[in-house]
C-alpha atoms as a PDB file:
ATOM      1  CA  UNK A   1      41.885  39.322 -84.639  1.00  0.00           C
ATOM      2  CA  UNK A   2      38.646  37.087 -85.572  1.00  0.00           C
ATOM      3  CA  UNK A   3      38.106  38.733 -89.301  1.00  0.00           C
ATOM      4  CA  UNK A   4      42.017  37.187 -89.710  1.00  0.00           C
ATOM      5  CA  UNK A   5      41.087  34.013 -88.157  1.00  0.00           C
ATOM      6  CA  UNK A   6      38.292  34.226 -90.601  1.00  0.00           C
ATOM      7  CA  UNK A   7      39.942  34.053 -93.564  1.00  0.00           C
ATOM      8  CA  UNK A   8      42.960  30.998 -92.279  1.00  0.00           C
ATOM      9  CA  UNK A   9      39.997  29.299 -91.396  1.00  0.00           C
ATOM     10  CA  UNK A  10      38.414  30.335 -95.189  1.00  0.00           C
ATOM     11  CA  UNK A  11      42.295  29.270 -96.758  1.00  0.00           C
ATOM     12  CA  UNK A  12      42.432  26.336 -95.144  1.00  0.00           C
ATOM     13  CA  UNK A  13      45.662  26.941 -93.237  1.00  0.00           C
ATOM     14  CA  UNK A  14      46.790  24.884 -89.991  1.00  0.00           C
ATOM     15  CA  UNK A  15      46.842  28.021 -88.073  1.00  0.00           C
ATOM     16  CA  UNK A  16      46.796  32.009 -88.069  1.00  0.00           C
ATOM     17  CA  UNK A  17      50.443  32.066 -88.187  1.00  0.00           C
ATOM     18  CA  UNK A  18      50.908  30.946 -91.170  1.00  0.00           C
ATOM     19  CA  UNK A  19      48.363  33.529 -93.183  1.00  0.00           C
ATOM     20  CA  UNK A  20      49.952  36.351 -91.266  1.00  0.00           C
ATOM     21  CA  UNK A  21      53.225  34.896 -92.199  1.00  0.00           C
ATOM     22  CA  UNK A  22      52.152  35.372 -95.766  1.00  0.00           C
ATOM     23  CA  UNK A  23      49.286  37.613 -96.256  1.00  0.00           C
ATOM     24  CA  UNK A  24      50.926  40.477 -93.908  1.00  0.00           C
ATOM     25  CA  UNK A  25      54.059  41.229 -94.595  1.00  0.00           C
ATOM     26  CA  UNK A  26      54.264  45.340 -94.306  1.00  0.00           C
ATOM     27  CA  UNK A  27      56.315  47.990 -96.450  1.00  0.00           C
ATOM     28  CA  UNK A  28      58.912  50.184 -94.416  1.00  0.00           C
ATOM     29  CA  UNK A  29      56.158  53.278 -95.208  1.00  0.00           C
ATOM     30  CA  UNK A  30      53.197  50.608 -94.222  1.00  0.00           C
ATOM     31  CA  UNK A  31      54.930  49.598 -90.456  1.00  0.00           C
ATOM     32  CA  UNK A  32      55.366  53.904 -90.426  1.00  0.00           C
ATOM     33  CA  UNK A  33      52.479  54.844 -90.757  1.00  0.00           C
ATOM     34  CA  UNK A  34      50.607  52.005 -88.786  1.00  0.00           C
ATOM     35  CA  UNK A  35      53.286  52.685 -85.741  1.00  0.00           C
ATOM     36  CA  UNK A  36      52.022  56.516 -85.877  1.00  0.00           C
ATOM     37  CA  UNK A  37      48.561  55.882 -85.974  1.00  0.00           C
ATOM     38  CA  UNK A  38      48.638  54.449 -82.504  1.00  0.00           C
ATOM     39  CA  UNK A  39      48.984  57.876 -80.541  1.00  0.00           C
ATOM     40  CA  UNK A  40      46.160  58.611 -82.681  1.00  0.00           C
ATOM     41  CA  UNK A  41      43.481  56.112 -82.086  1.00  0.00           C
ATOM     42  CA  UNK A  42      45.152  56.000 -78.263  1.00  0.00           C
ATOM     43  CA  UNK A  43      45.808  58.893 -77.261  1.00  0.00           C
ATOM     44  CA  UNK A  44      49.561  58.611 -76.606  1.00  0.00           C
ATOM     45  CA  UNK A  45      51.499  60.716 -74.258  1.00  0.00           C
ATOM     46  CA  UNK A  46      53.878  63.182 -75.356  1.00  0.00           C
ATOM     47  CA  UNK A  47      57.063  61.391 -74.235  1.00  0.00           C
ATOM     48  CA  UNK A  48      56.317  58.074 -76.189  1.00  0.00           C
ATOM     49  CA  UNK A  49      55.156  60.444 -79.152  1.00  0.00           C
ATOM     50  CA  UNK A  50      59.377  62.272 -78.163  1.00  0.00           C
ATOM     51  CA  UNK A  51      60.606  58.608 -78.123  1.00  0.00           C
ATOM     52  CA  UNK A  52      58.363  56.936 -81.720  1.00  0.00           C
ATOM     53  CA  UNK A  53      60.272  60.278 -83.267  1.00  0.00           C
ATOM     54  CA  UNK A  54      63.236  60.047 -82.273  1.00  0.00           C
ATOM     55  CA  UNK A  55      63.735  56.226 -82.416  1.00  0.00           C
ATOM     56  CA  UNK A  56      61.955  56.045 -85.952  1.00  0.00           C
ATOM     57  CA  UNK A  57      62.058  59.500 -87.431  1.00  0.00           C
ATOM     58  CA  UNK A  58      58.258  60.103 -87.554  1.00  0.00           C
END
């Protein structure tokens, strides 16, 4: 979050929401990969993995 805030201030945006809305649009594939990575980095439970798999086809 601190990195995003630094970029936002450097671009002279009034708030991080402006920067986020302009520069952080993710493709469907990028979004799936980011969500898939949550389980690996956070030790996701088997139940949550099954839900994720059924919900988003991961």
